[in-house]
All heavy atoms as atom14 arrays in JSON, in Angstrom:
{
  "sequence": "MHPQVESKMLSPQDLQTWVIQRFKYAGGTLDIAKNDNPLFRPGMTLG",
  "atom14_mask": [
    [1, 1, 1, 1, 1, 1, 1, 1, 0, 0, 0, 0, 0, 0],
    [1, 1, 1, 1, 1, 1, 1, 1, 1, 1, 0, 0, 0, 0],
    [1, 1, 1, 1, 1, 1, 1, 0, 0, 0, 0, 0, 0, 0],
    [1, 1, 1, 1, 1, 1, 1, 1, 1, 0, 0, 0, 0, 0],
    [1, 1, 1, 1, 1, 1, 1, 0, 0, 0, 0, 0, 0, 0],
    [1, 1, 1, 1, 1, 1, 1, 1, 1, 0, 0, 0, 0, 0],
    [1, 1, 1, 1, 1, 1, 0, 0, 0, 0, 0, 0, 0, 0],
    [1, 1, 1, 1, 1, 1, 1, 1, 1, 0, 0, 0, 0, 0],
    [1, 1, 1, 1, 1, 1, 1, 1, 0, 0, 0, 0, 0, 0],
    [1, 1, 1, 1, 1, 1, 1, 1, 0, 0, 0, 0, 0, 0],
    [1, 1, 1, 1, 1, 1, 0, 0, 0, 0, 0, 0, 0, 0],
    [1, 1, 1, 1, 1, 1, 1, 0, 0, 0, 0, 0, 0, 0],
    [1, 1, 1, 1, 1, 1, 1, 1, 1, 0, 0, 0, 0, 0],
    [1, 1, 1, 1, 1, 1, 1, 1, 0, 0, 0, 0, 0, 0],
    [1, 1, 1, 1, 1, 1, 1, 1, 0, 0, 0, 0, 0, 0],
    [1, 1, 1, 1, 1, 1, 1, 1, 1, 0, 0, 0, 0, 0],
    [1, 1, 1, 1, 1, 1, 1, 0, 0, 0, 0, 0, 0, 0],
    [1, 1, 1, 1, 1, 1, 1, 1, 1, 1, 1, 1, 1, 1],
    [1, 1, 1, 1, 1, 1, 1, 0, 0, 0, 0, 0, 0, 0],
    [1, 1, 1, 1, 1, 1, 1, 1, 0, 0, 0, 0, 0, 0],
    [1, 1, 1, 1, 1, 1, 1, 1, 1, 0, 0, 0, 0, 0],
    [1, 1, 1, 1, 1, 1, 1, 1, 1, 1, 1, 0, 0, 0],
    [1, 1, 1, 1, 1, 1, 1, 1, 1, 1, 1, 0, 0, 0],
    [1, 1, 1, 1, 1, 1, 1, 1, 1, 0, 0, 0, 0, 0],
    [1, 1, 1, 1, 1, 1, 1, 1, 1, 1, 1, 1, 0, 0],
    [1, 1, 1, 1, 1, 0, 0, 0, 0, 0, 0, 0, 0, 0],
    [1, 1, 1, 1, 0, 0, 0, 0, 0, 0, 0, 0, 0, 0],
    [1, 1, 1, 1, 0, 0, 0, 0, 0, 0, 0, 0, 0, 0],
    [1, 1, 1, 1, 1, 1, 1, 0, 0, 0, 0, 0, 0, 0],
    [1, 1, 1, 1, 1, 1, 1, 1, 0, 0, 0, 0, 0, 0],
    [1, 1, 1, 1, 1, 1, 1, 1, 0, 0, 0, 0, 0, 0],
    [1, 1, 1, 1, 1, 1, 1, 1, 0, 0, 0, 0, 0, 0],
    [1, 1, 1, 1, 1, 0, 0, 0, 0, 0, 0, 0, 0, 0],
    [1, 1, 1, 1, 1, 1, 1, 1, 1, 0, 0, 0, 0, 0],
    [1, 1, 1, 1, 1, 1, 1, 1, 0, 0, 0, 0, 0, 0],
    [1, 1, 1, 1, 1, 1, 1, 1, 0, 0, 0, 0, 0, 0],
    [1, 1, 1, 1, 1, 1, 1, 1, 0, 0, 0, 0, 0, 0],
    [1, 1, 1, 1, 1, 1, 1, 0, 0, 0, 0, 0, 0, 0],
    [1, 1, 1, 1, 1, 1, 1, 1, 0, 0, 0, 0, 0, 0],
    [1, 1, 1, 1, 1, 1, 1, 1, 1, 1, 1, 0, 0, 0],
    [1, 1, 1, 1, 1, 1, 1, 1, 1, 1, 1, 0, 0, 0],
    [1, 1, 1, 1, 1, 1, 1, 0, 0, 0, 0, 0, 0, 0],
    [1, 1, 1, 1, 0, 0, 0, 0, 0, 0, 0, 0, 0, 0],
    [1, 1, 1, 1, 1, 1, 1, 1, 0, 0, 0, 0, 0, 0],
    [1, 1, 1, 1, 1, 1, 1, 0, 0, 0, 0, 0, 0, 0],
    [1, 1, 1, 1, 1, 1, 1, 1, 0, 0, 0, 0, 0, 0],
    [1, 1, 1, 1, 0, 0, 0, 0, 0, 0, 0, 0, 0, 0]
  ],
  "atom14_positions": [
    [[0.86, -1.18, 0.0], [0.0, 0.0, 0.0], [0.89, 1.22, 0.0], [1.52, 1.55, 1.0], [-0.9, -0.01, 1.24], [-1.85, 1.18, 1.3], [-3.04, 1.18, -0.05], [-3.05, 2.93, -0.49], [0.0, 0.0, 0.0], [0.0, 0.0, 0.0], [0.0, 0.0, 0.0], [0.0, 0.0, 0.0], [0.0, 0.0, 0.0], [0.0, 0.0, 0.0]],
    [[0.99, 1.86, -1.16], [1.81, 3.06, -1.31], [1.06, 4.23, -0.69], [-0.11, 4.46, -1.0], [2.05, 3.3, -2.81], [2.75, 4.56, -3.15], [4.08, 4.79, -2.87], [2.31, 5.69, -3.79], [4.43, 5.98, -3.31], [3.38, 6.56, -3.86], [0.0, 0.0, 0.0], [0.0, 0.0, 0.0], [0.0, 0.0, 0.0], [0.0, 0.0, 0.0]],
    [[1.67, 5.0, 0.21], [0.91, 6.0, 0.97], [0.55, 7.27, 0.21], [-0.37, 7.98, 0.61], [1.83, 6.32, 2.15], [3.21, 6.03, 1.65], [3.06, 4.88, 0.7], [0.0, 0.0, 0.0], [0.0, 0.0, 0.0], [0.0, 0.0, 0.0], [0.0, 0.0, 0.0], [0.0, 0.0, 0.0], [0.0, 0.0, 0.0], [0.0, 0.0, 0.0]],
    [[1.24, 7.57, -0.87], [1.05, 8.86, -1.55], [0.04, 8.75, -2.68], [0.04, 7.78, -3.44], [2.39, 9.35, -2.1], [2.37, 10.77, -2.63], [3.77, 11.27, -2.95], [4.75, 10.79, -2.39], [3.87, 12.22, -3.86], [0.0, 0.0, 0.0], [0.0, 0.0, 0.0], [0.0, 0.0, 0.0], [0.0, 0.0, 0.0], [0.0, 0.0, 0.0]],
    [[-0.84, 9.75, -2.78], [-1.83, 9.79, -3.86], [-1.12, 9.97, -5.2], [-0.25, 10.85, -5.34], [-2.83, 10.94, -3.64], [-3.77, 11.08, -4.83], [-3.64, 10.7, -2.35], [0.0, 0.0, 0.0], [0.0, 0.0, 0.0], [0.0, 0.0, 0.0], [0.0, 0.0, 0.0], [0.0, 0.0, 0.0], [0.0, 0.0, 0.0], [0.0, 0.0, 0.0]],
    [[-1.48, 9.14, -6.19], [-0.83, 9.2, -7.5], [-1.84, 9.35, -8.64], [-1.47, 9.21, -9.81], [0.0, 7.93, -7.73], [1.11, 7.7, -6.72], [2.25, 8.71, -6.81], [2.26, 9.49, -7.78], [3.12, 8.74, -5.91], [0.0, 0.0, 0.0], [0.0, 0.0, 0.0], [0.0, 0.0, 0.0], [0.0, 0.0, 0.0], [0.0, 0.0, 0.0]],
    [[-3.09, 9.64, -8.3], [-4.1, 9.85, -9.34], [-5.3, 10.54, -8.71], [-5.41, 10.63, -7.48], [-4.53, 8.52, -9.98], [-5.15, 7.68, -9.0], [0.0, 0.0, 0.0], [0.0, 0.0, 0.0], [0.0, 0.0, 0.0], [0.0, 0.0, 0.0], [0.0, 0.0, 0.0], [0.0, 0.0, 0.0], [0.0, 0.0, 0.0], [0.0, 0.0, 0.0]],
    [[-6.19, 11.02, -9.55], [-7.43, 11.61, -9.05], [-8.6, 11.04, -9.85], [-8.44, 10.63, -11.0], [-7.4, 13.13, -9.16], [-7.24, 13.7, -10.57], [-7.13, 15.22, -10.52], [-7.01, 15.82, -11.91], [-6.87, 17.3, -11.87], [0.0, 0.0, 0.0], [0.0, 0.0, 0.0], [0.0, 0.0, 0.0], [0.0, 0.0, 0.0], [0.0, 0.0, 0.0]],
    [[-9.75, 11.01, -9.21], [-10.93, 10.43, -9.86], [-12.18, 11.08, -9.32], [-12.13, 11.94, -8.43], [-10.95, 8.91, -9.69], [-10.81, 8.42, -8.28], [-10.37, 6.64, -8.21], [-8.67, 6.68, -8.74], [0.0, 0.0, 0.0], [0.0, 0.0, 0.0], [0.0, 0.0, 0.0], [0.0, 0.0, 0.0], [0.0, 0.0, 0.0], [0.0, 0.0, 0.0]],
    [[-13.33, 10.66, -9.84], [-14.6, 11.29, -9.5], [-15.34, 10.48, -8.44], [-15.28, 9.25, -8.42], [-15.47, 11.42, -10.75], [-14.87, 12.22, -11.9], [-15.81, 12.23, -13.08], [-14.52, 13.64, -11.46], [0.0, 0.0, 0.0], [0.0, 0.0, 0.0], [0.0, 0.0, 0.0], [0.0, 0.0, 0.0], [0.0, 0.0, 0.0], [0.0, 0.0, 0.0]],
    [[-16.06, 11.19, -7.59], [-16.84, 10.55, -6.52], [-18.31, 10.5, -6.9], [-18.76, 11.24, -7.78], [-16.67, 11.35, -5.22], [-17.27, 12.63, -5.37], [0.0, 0.0, 0.0], [0.0, 0.0, 0.0], [0.0, 0.0, 0.0], [0.0, 0.0, 0.0], [0.0, 0.0, 0.0], [0.0, 0.0, 0.0], [0.0, 0.0, 0.0], [0.0, 0.0, 0.0]],
    [[-19.1, 9.63, -6.24], [-20.55, 9.66, -6.44], [-21.11, 11.03, -6.09], [-20.79, 11.58, -5.05], [-21.06, 8.58, -5.49], [-19.9, 7.66, -5.28], [-18.68, 8.55, -5.34], [0.0, 0.0, 0.0], [0.0, 0.0, 0.0], [0.0, 0.0, 0.0], [0.0, 0.0, 0.0], [0.0, 0.0, 0.0], [0.0, 0.0, 0.0], [0.0, 0.0, 0.0]],
    [[-21.95, 11.57, -6.97], [-22.49, 12.91, -6.76], [-23.98, 12.91, -6.41], [-24.62, 13.95, -6.39], [-22.28, 13.74, -8.03], [-20.83, 14.1, -8.28], [-20.31, 15.13, -7.28], [-20.82, 16.24, -7.2], [-19.3, 14.75, -6.51], [0.0, 0.0, 0.0], [0.0, 0.0, 0.0], [0.0, 0.0, 0.0], [0.0, 0.0, 0.0], [0.0, 0.0, 0.0]],
    [[-24.52, 11.72, -6.13], [-25.91, 11.63, -5.71], [-26.08, 10.35, -4.91], [-25.24, 9.45, -4.97], [-26.86, 11.65, -6.91], [-26.58, 10.49, -7.86], [-27.09, 9.38, -7.62], [-25.8, 10.68, -8.82], [0.0, 0.0, 0.0], [0.0, 0.0, 0.0], [0.0, 0.0, 0.0], [0.0, 0.0, 0.0], [0.0, 0.0, 0.0], [0.0, 0.0, 0.0]],
    [[-27.16, 10.27, -4.17], [-27.35, 9.15, -3.25], [-27.55, 7.83, -3.98], [-27.1, 6.78, -3.52], [-28.55, 9.42, -2.33], [-28.69, 8.46, -1.16], [-27.51, 8.6, -0.21], [-30.0, 8.7, -0.42], [0.0, 0.0, 0.0], [0.0, 0.0, 0.0], [0.0, 0.0, 0.0], [0.0, 0.0, 0.0], [0.0, 0.0, 0.0], [0.0, 0.0, 0.0]],
    [[-28.2, 7.87, -5.13], [-28.43, 6.63, -5.88], [-27.12, 5.99, -6.3], [-26.92, 4.77, -6.15], [-29.3, 6.91, -7.1], [-29.57, 5.67, -7.96], [-30.56, 5.97, -9.07], [-31.72, 6.2, -8.82], [-30.07, 5.99, -10.31], [0.0, 0.0, 0.0], [0.0, 0.0, 0.0], [0.0, 0.0, 0.0], [0.0, 0.0, 0.0], [0.0, 0.0, 0.0]],
    [[-26.21, 6.8, -6.82], [-24.89, 6.29, -7.22], [-24.13, 5.76, -6.01], [-23.46, 4.73, -6.08], [-24.09, 7.41, -7.91], [-24.85, 7.92, -9.01], [-22.76, 6.89, -8.41], [0.0, 0.0, 0.0], [0.0, 0.0, 0.0], [0.0, 0.0, 0.0], [0.0, 0.0, 0.0], [0.0, 0.0, 0.0], [0.0, 0.0, 0.0], [0.0, 0.0, 0.0]],
    [[-24.21, 6.48, -4.89], [-23.55, 6.06, -3.65], [-24.06, 4.69, -3.21], [-23.27, 3.81, -2.84], [-23.81, 7.1, -2.57], [-23.15, 6.82, -1.25], [-21.91, 7.23, -0.85], [-23.69, 6.08, -0.15], [-21.65, 6.78, 0.43], [-22.73, 6.08, 0.88], [-24.89, 5.42, 0.07], [-22.94, 5.45, 2.1], [-25.11, 4.79, 1.28], [-24.14, 4.8, 2.28]],
    [[-25.38, 4.5, -3.26], [-25.97, 3.22, -2.83], [-25.52, 2.08, -3.74], [-25.17, 0.99, -3.28], [-27.51, 3.32, -2.79], [-28.14, 1.94, -2.63], [-27.95, 4.22, -1.65], [0.0, 0.0, 0.0], [0.0, 0.0, 0.0], [0.0, 0.0, 0.0], [0.0, 0.0, 0.0], [0.0, 0.0, 0.0], [0.0, 0.0, 0.0], [0.0, 0.0, 0.0]],
    [[-25.51, 2.32, -5.06], [-25.05, 1.3, -6.01], [-23.62, 0.87, -5.68], [-23.3, -0.31, -5.63], [-25.13, 1.84, -7.46], [-26.58, 1.99, -7.91], [-24.38, 0.91, -8.43], [-26.74, 2.7, -9.25], [0.0, 0.0, 0.0], [0.0, 0.0, 0.0], [0.0, 0.0, 0.0], [0.0, 0.0, 0.0], [0.0, 0.0, 0.0], [0.0, 0.0, 0.0]],
    [[-22.76, 1.86, -5.46], [-21.35, 1.57, -5.2], [-21.18, 0.8, -3.89], [-20.46, -0.2, -3.82], [-20.57, 2.88, -5.16], [-19.06, 2.72, -5.11], [-18.35, 4.06, -5.08], [-18.32, 4.74, -4.06], [-17.8, 4.46, -6.22], [0.0, 0.0, 0.0], [0.0, 0.0, 0.0], [0.0, 0.0, 0.0], [0.0, 0.0, 0.0], [0.0, 0.0, 0.0]],
    [[-21.84, 1.27, -2.82], [-21.69, 0.62, -1.52], [-22.27, -0.78, -1.51], [-21.75, -1.68, -0.86], [-22.33, 1.47, -0.42], [-21.65, 2.8, -0.14], [-20.16, 2.62, 0.14], [-19.52, 3.82, 0.62], [-19.03, 4.78, -0.14], [-19.13, 4.68, -1.45], [-18.42, 5.84, 0.39], [0.0, 0.0, 0.0], [0.0, 0.0, 0.0], [0.0, 0.0, 0.0]],
    [[-23.35, -0.99, -2.25], [-23.95, -2.32, -2.32], [-23.0, -3.29, -3.03], [-22.86, -4.46, -2.62], [-25.29, -2.27, -3.04], [-25.94, -3.62, -3.19], [-26.5, -4.26, -2.1], [-25.98, -4.26, -4.42], [-27.1, -5.51, -2.23], [-26.58, -5.5, -4.57], [-27.14, -6.13, -3.46], [0.0, 0.0, 0.0], [0.0, 0.0, 0.0], [0.0, 0.0, 0.0]],
    [[-22.33, -2.83, -4.07], [-21.36, -3.67, -4.77], [-20.21, -4.04, -3.85], [-19.76, -5.19, -3.82], [-20.84, -2.96, -6.02], [-21.82, -2.9, -7.18], [-21.4, -1.91, -8.24], [-20.11, -2.3, -8.9], [-19.73, -1.35, -9.99], [0.0, 0.0, 0.0], [0.0, 0.0, 0.0], [0.0, 0.0, 0.0], [0.0, 0.0, 0.0], [0.0, 0.0, 0.0]],
    [[-19.71, -3.06, -3.09], [-18.61, -3.33, -2.17], [-19.02, -4.39, -1.14], [-18.32, -5.38, -0.9], [-18.2, -2.06, -1.42], [-17.56, -0.99, -2.26], [-17.44, 0.31, -1.77], [-17.07, -1.24, -3.54], [-16.85, 1.33, -2.53], [-16.49, -0.25, -4.29], [-16.38, 1.04, -3.78], [-15.8, 2.02, -4.53], [0.0, 0.0, 0.0], [0.0, 0.0, 0.0]],
    [[-20.18, -4.15, -0.5], [-20.62, -5.05, 0.57], [-20.97, -6.42, 0.03], [-20.53, -7.45, 0.55], [-21.83, -4.44, 1.29], [0.0, 0.0, 0.0], [0.0, 0.0, 0.0], [0.0, 0.0, 0.0], [0.0, 0.0, 0.0], [0.0, 0.0, 0.0], [0.0, 0.0, 0.0], [0.0, 0.0, 0.0], [0.0, 0.0, 0.0], [0.0, 0.0, 0.0]],
    [[-21.78, -6.45, -1.02], [-22.21, -7.73, -1.58], [-21.07, -8.54, -2.14], [-20.99, -9.76, -1.96], [0.0, 0.0, 0.0], [0.0, 0.0, 0.0], [0.0, 0.0, 0.0], [0.0, 0.0, 0.0], [0.0, 0.0, 0.0], [0.0, 0.0, 0.0], [0.0, 0.0, 0.0], [0.0, 0.0, 0.0], [0.0, 0.0, 0.0], [0.0, 0.0, 0.0]],
    [[-20.14, -7.87, -2.83], [-19.0, -8.58, -3.4], [-18.12, -9.21, -2.34], [-17.71, -10.37, -2.46], [0.0, 0.0, 0.0], [0.0, 0.0, 0.0], [0.0, 0.0, 0.0], [0.0, 0.0, 0.0], [0.0, 0.0, 0.0], [0.0, 0.0, 0.0], [0.0, 0.0, 0.0], [0.0, 0.0, 0.0], [0.0, 0.0, 0.0], [0.0, 0.0, 0.0]],
    [[-17.84, -8.46, -1.27], [-17.0, -8.98, -0.19], [-17.68, -10.15, 0.51], [-17.03, -11.18, 0.8], [-16.7, -7.86, 0.83], [-16.05, -6.79, 0.15], [-15.81, -8.37, 1.94], [0.0, 0.0, 0.0], [0.0, 0.0, 0.0], [0.0, 0.0, 0.0], [0.0, 0.0, 0.0], [0.0, 0.0, 0.0], [0.0, 0.0, 0.0], [0.0, 0.0, 0.0]],
    [[-18.96, -10.02, 0.79], [-19.68, -11.09, 1.5], [-19.84, -12.32, 0.62], [-19.81, -13.46, 1.12], [-21.05, -10.59, 1.96], [-21.0, -9.51, 3.05], [-22.4, -8.94, 3.29], [-20.44, -10.07, 4.35], [0.0, 0.0, 0.0], [0.0, 0.0, 0.0], [0.0, 0.0, 0.0], [0.0, 0.0, 0.0], [0.0, 0.0, 0.0], [0.0, 0.0, 0.0]],
    [[-19.97, -12.12, -0.68], [-20.06, -13.26, -1.6], [-18.75, -14.06, -1.61], [-18.77, -15.29, -1.62], [-20.4, -12.77, -3.01], [-20.63, -13.91, -3.97], [-21.68, -14.56, -3.88], [-19.74, -14.17, -4.81], [0.0, 0.0, 0.0], [0.0, 0.0, 0.0], [0.0, 0.0, 0.0], [0.0, 0.0, 0.0], [0.0, 0.0, 0.0], [0.0, 0.0, 0.0]],
    [[-17.62, -13.35, -1.58], [-16.33, -14.04, -1.48], [-16.25, -14.81, -0.18], [-15.81, -15.97, -0.14], [-15.17, -13.02, -1.59], [-15.13, -12.41, -2.99], [-13.84, -13.69, -1.27], [-14.16, -11.25, -3.12], [0.0, 0.0, 0.0], [0.0, 0.0, 0.0], [0.0, 0.0, 0.0], [0.0, 0.0, 0.0], [0.0, 0.0, 0.0], [0.0, 0.0, 0.0]],
    [[-16.68, -14.17, 0.93], [-16.63, -14.83, 2.24], [-17.48, -16.09, 2.26], [-17.12, -17.08, 2.91], [-17.09, -13.86, 3.32], [0.0, 0.0, 0.0], [0.0, 0.0, 0.0], [0.0, 0.0, 0.0], [0.0, 0.0, 0.0], [0.0, 0.0, 0.0], [0.0, 0.0, 0.0], [0.0, 0.0, 0.0], [0.0, 0.0, 0.0], [0.0, 0.0, 0.0]],
    [[-18.59, -16.07, 1.56], [-19.49, -17.23, 1.55], [-18.97, -18.37, 0.67], [-19.07, -19.55, 1.04], [-20.88, -16.8, 1.05], [-21.9, -17.93, 0.91], [-23.25, -17.35, 0.55], [-24.28, -18.46, 0.35], [-24.16, -19.1, -0.99], [0.0, 0.0, 0.0], [0.0, 0.0, 0.0], [0.0, 0.0, 0.0], [0.0, 0.0, 0.0], [0.0, 0.0, 0.0]],
    [[-18.39, -18.03, -0.46], [-18.04, -19.06, -1.44], [-16.56, -19.43, -1.49], [-16.22, -20.5, -1.99], [-18.5, -18.6, -2.83], [-20.0, -18.44, -2.92], [-20.74, -19.39, -2.69], [-20.46, -17.24, -3.23], [0.0, 0.0, 0.0], [0.0, 0.0, 0.0], [0.0, 0.0, 0.0], [0.0, 0.0, 0.0], [0.0, 0.0, 0.0], [0.0, 0.0, 0.0]],
    [[-15.68, -18.56, -1.02], [-14.24, -18.85, -1.06], [-13.56, -18.09, 0.07], [-12.69, -17.26, -0.15], [-13.65, -18.46, -2.41], [-12.32, -19.14, -2.68], [-11.83, -19.87, -1.8], [-11.75, -18.92, -3.77], [0.0, 0.0, 0.0], [0.0, 0.0, 0.0], [0.0, 0.0, 0.0], [0.0, 0.0, 0.0], [0.0, 0.0, 0.0], [0.0, 0.0, 0.0]],
    [[-13.99, -18.38, 1.3], [-13.62, -17.57, 2.45], [-12.11, -17.55, 2.67], [-11.49, -18.59, 2.86], [-14.31, -18.12, 3.71], [-14.35, -17.1, 4.82], [-13.37, -16.44, 5.11], [-15.51, -16.96, 5.45], [0.0, 0.0, 0.0], [0.0, 0.0, 0.0], [0.0, 0.0, 0.0], [0.0, 0.0, 0.0], [0.0, 0.0, 0.0], [0.0, 0.0, 0.0]],
    [[-11.51, -16.34, 2.66], [-10.06, -16.26, 2.86], [-9.63, -16.72, 4.25], [-8.46, -17.05, 4.45], [-9.76, -14.76, 2.65], [-11.06, -14.07, 2.84], [-12.12, -15.03, 2.39], [0.0, 0.0, 0.0], [0.0, 0.0, 0.0], [0.0, 0.0, 0.0], [0.0, 0.0, 0.0], [0.0, 0.0, 0.0], [0.0, 0.0, 0.0], [0.0, 0.0, 0.0]],
    [[-10.55, -16.74, 5.23], [-10.18, -17.18, 6.58], [-9.78, -18.64, 6.59], [-8.97, -19.06, 7.42], [-11.35, -16.96, 7.55], [-11.44, -15.59, 8.2], [-11.79, -14.52, 7.18], [-12.49, -15.6, 9.31], [0.0, 0.0, 0.0], [0.0, 0.0, 0.0], [0.0, 0.0, 0.0], [0.0, 0.0, 0.0], [0.0, 0.0, 0.0], [0.0, 0.0, 0.0]],
    [[-10.34, -19.43, 5.68], [-10.09, -20.88, 5.67], [-9.32, -21.32, 4.44], [-9.14, -22.51, 4.21], [-11.43, -21.63, 5.75], [-12.32, -21.14, 6.86], [-13.5, -20.48, 6.59], [-11.95, -21.33, 8.18], [-14.31, -20.01, 7.62], [-12.75, -20.87, 9.22], [-13.92, -20.22, 8.93], [0.0, 0.0, 0.0], [0.0, 0.0, 0.0], [0.0, 0.0, 0.0]],
    [[-8.86, -20.36, 3.67], [-8.14, -20.71, 2.44], [-6.7, -21.08, 2.78], [-5.99, -20.32, 3.46], [-8.17, -19.53, 1.48], [-7.69, -19.85, 0.07], [-7.78, -18.62, -0.8], [-7.24, -18.88, -2.12], [-7.92, -19.28, -3.18], [-9.22, -19.47, -3.06], [-7.34, -19.5, -4.33], [0.0, 0.0, 0.0], [0.0, 0.0, 0.0], [0.0, 0.0, 0.0]],
    [[-6.21, -22.23, 2.32], [-4.82, -22.63, 2.61], [-3.84, -21.61, 2.04], [-4.07, -21.01, 0.99], [-4.69, -23.98, 1.88], [-6.09, -24.48, 1.72], [-6.94, -23.26, 1.55], [0.0, 0.0, 0.0], [0.0, 0.0, 0.0], [0.0, 0.0, 0.0], [0.0, 0.0, 0.0], [0.0, 0.0, 0.0], [0.0, 0.0, 0.0], [0.0, 0.0, 0.0]],
    [[-2.75, -21.4, 2.77], [-1.7, -20.51, 2.29], [-1.69, -19.15, 2.95], [-0.69, -18.44, 2.89], [0.0, 0.0, 0.0], [0.0, 0.0, 0.0], [0.0, 0.0, 0.0], [0.0, 0.0, 0.0], [0.0, 0.0, 0.0], [0.0, 0.0, 0.0], [0.0, 0.0, 0.0], [0.0, 0.0, 0.0], [0.0, 0.0, 0.0], [0.0, 0.0, 0.0]],
    [[-2.78, -18.76, 3.59], [-2.84, -17.47, 4.26], [-2.06, -17.52, 5.58], [-2.11, -18.51, 6.31], [-4.29, -17.09, 4.56], [-5.11, -16.7, 3.35], [-4.82, -14.98, 2.89], [-6.05, -14.82, 1.59], [0.0, 0.0, 0.0], [0.0, 0.0, 0.0], [0.0, 0.0, 0.0], [0.0, 0.0, 0.0], [0.0, 0.0, 0.0], [0.0, 0.0, 0.0]],
    [[-1.39, -16.42, 5.9], [-0.77, -16.31, 7.22], [-1.84, -15.89, 8.23], [-2.94, -15.44, 7.85], [0.35, -15.25, 7.23], [-0.23, -13.96, 6.99], [1.38, -15.55, 6.15], [0.0, 0.0, 0.0], [0.0, 0.0, 0.0], [0.0, 0.0, 0.0], [0.0, 0.0, 0.0], [0.0, 0.0, 0.0], [0.0, 0.0, 0.0], [0.0, 0.0, 0.0]],
    [[-1.52, -16.0, 9.51], [-2.47, -15.6, 10.55], [-2.82, -14.12, 10.43], [-3.99, -13.73, 10.53], [-1.89, -15.9, 11.94], [-2.77, -15.47, 13.14], [-4.1, -16.19, 13.11], [-2.03, -15.74, 14.46], [0.0, 0.0, 0.0], [0.0, 0.0, 0.0], [0.0, 0.0, 0.0], [0.0, 0.0, 0.0], [0.0, 0.0, 0.0], [0.0, 0.0, 0.0]],
    [[-1.8, -13.29, 10.21], [-2.05, -11.86, 10.07], [-2.98, -11.54, 8.91], [-3.87, -10.7, 9.02], [0.0, 0.0, 0.0], [0.0, 0.0, 0.0], [0.0, 0.0, 0.0], [0.0, 0.0, 0.0], [0.0, 0.0, 0.0], [0.0, 0.0, 0.0], [0.0, 0.0, 0.0], [0.0, 0.0, 0.0], [0.0, 0.0, 0.0], [0.0, 0.0, 0.0]]
  ]
}
């Protein structure tokens, strides 16, 4: 994780766009946890 900003981009400018984006983040992460959970995937360190 490089600490310095190296690009700029656009943010959601209305609530509908914000909801679409946040739902994708939440649903995508939970779908991974349900179907290929990194907690139980071989090869991961404890950290």
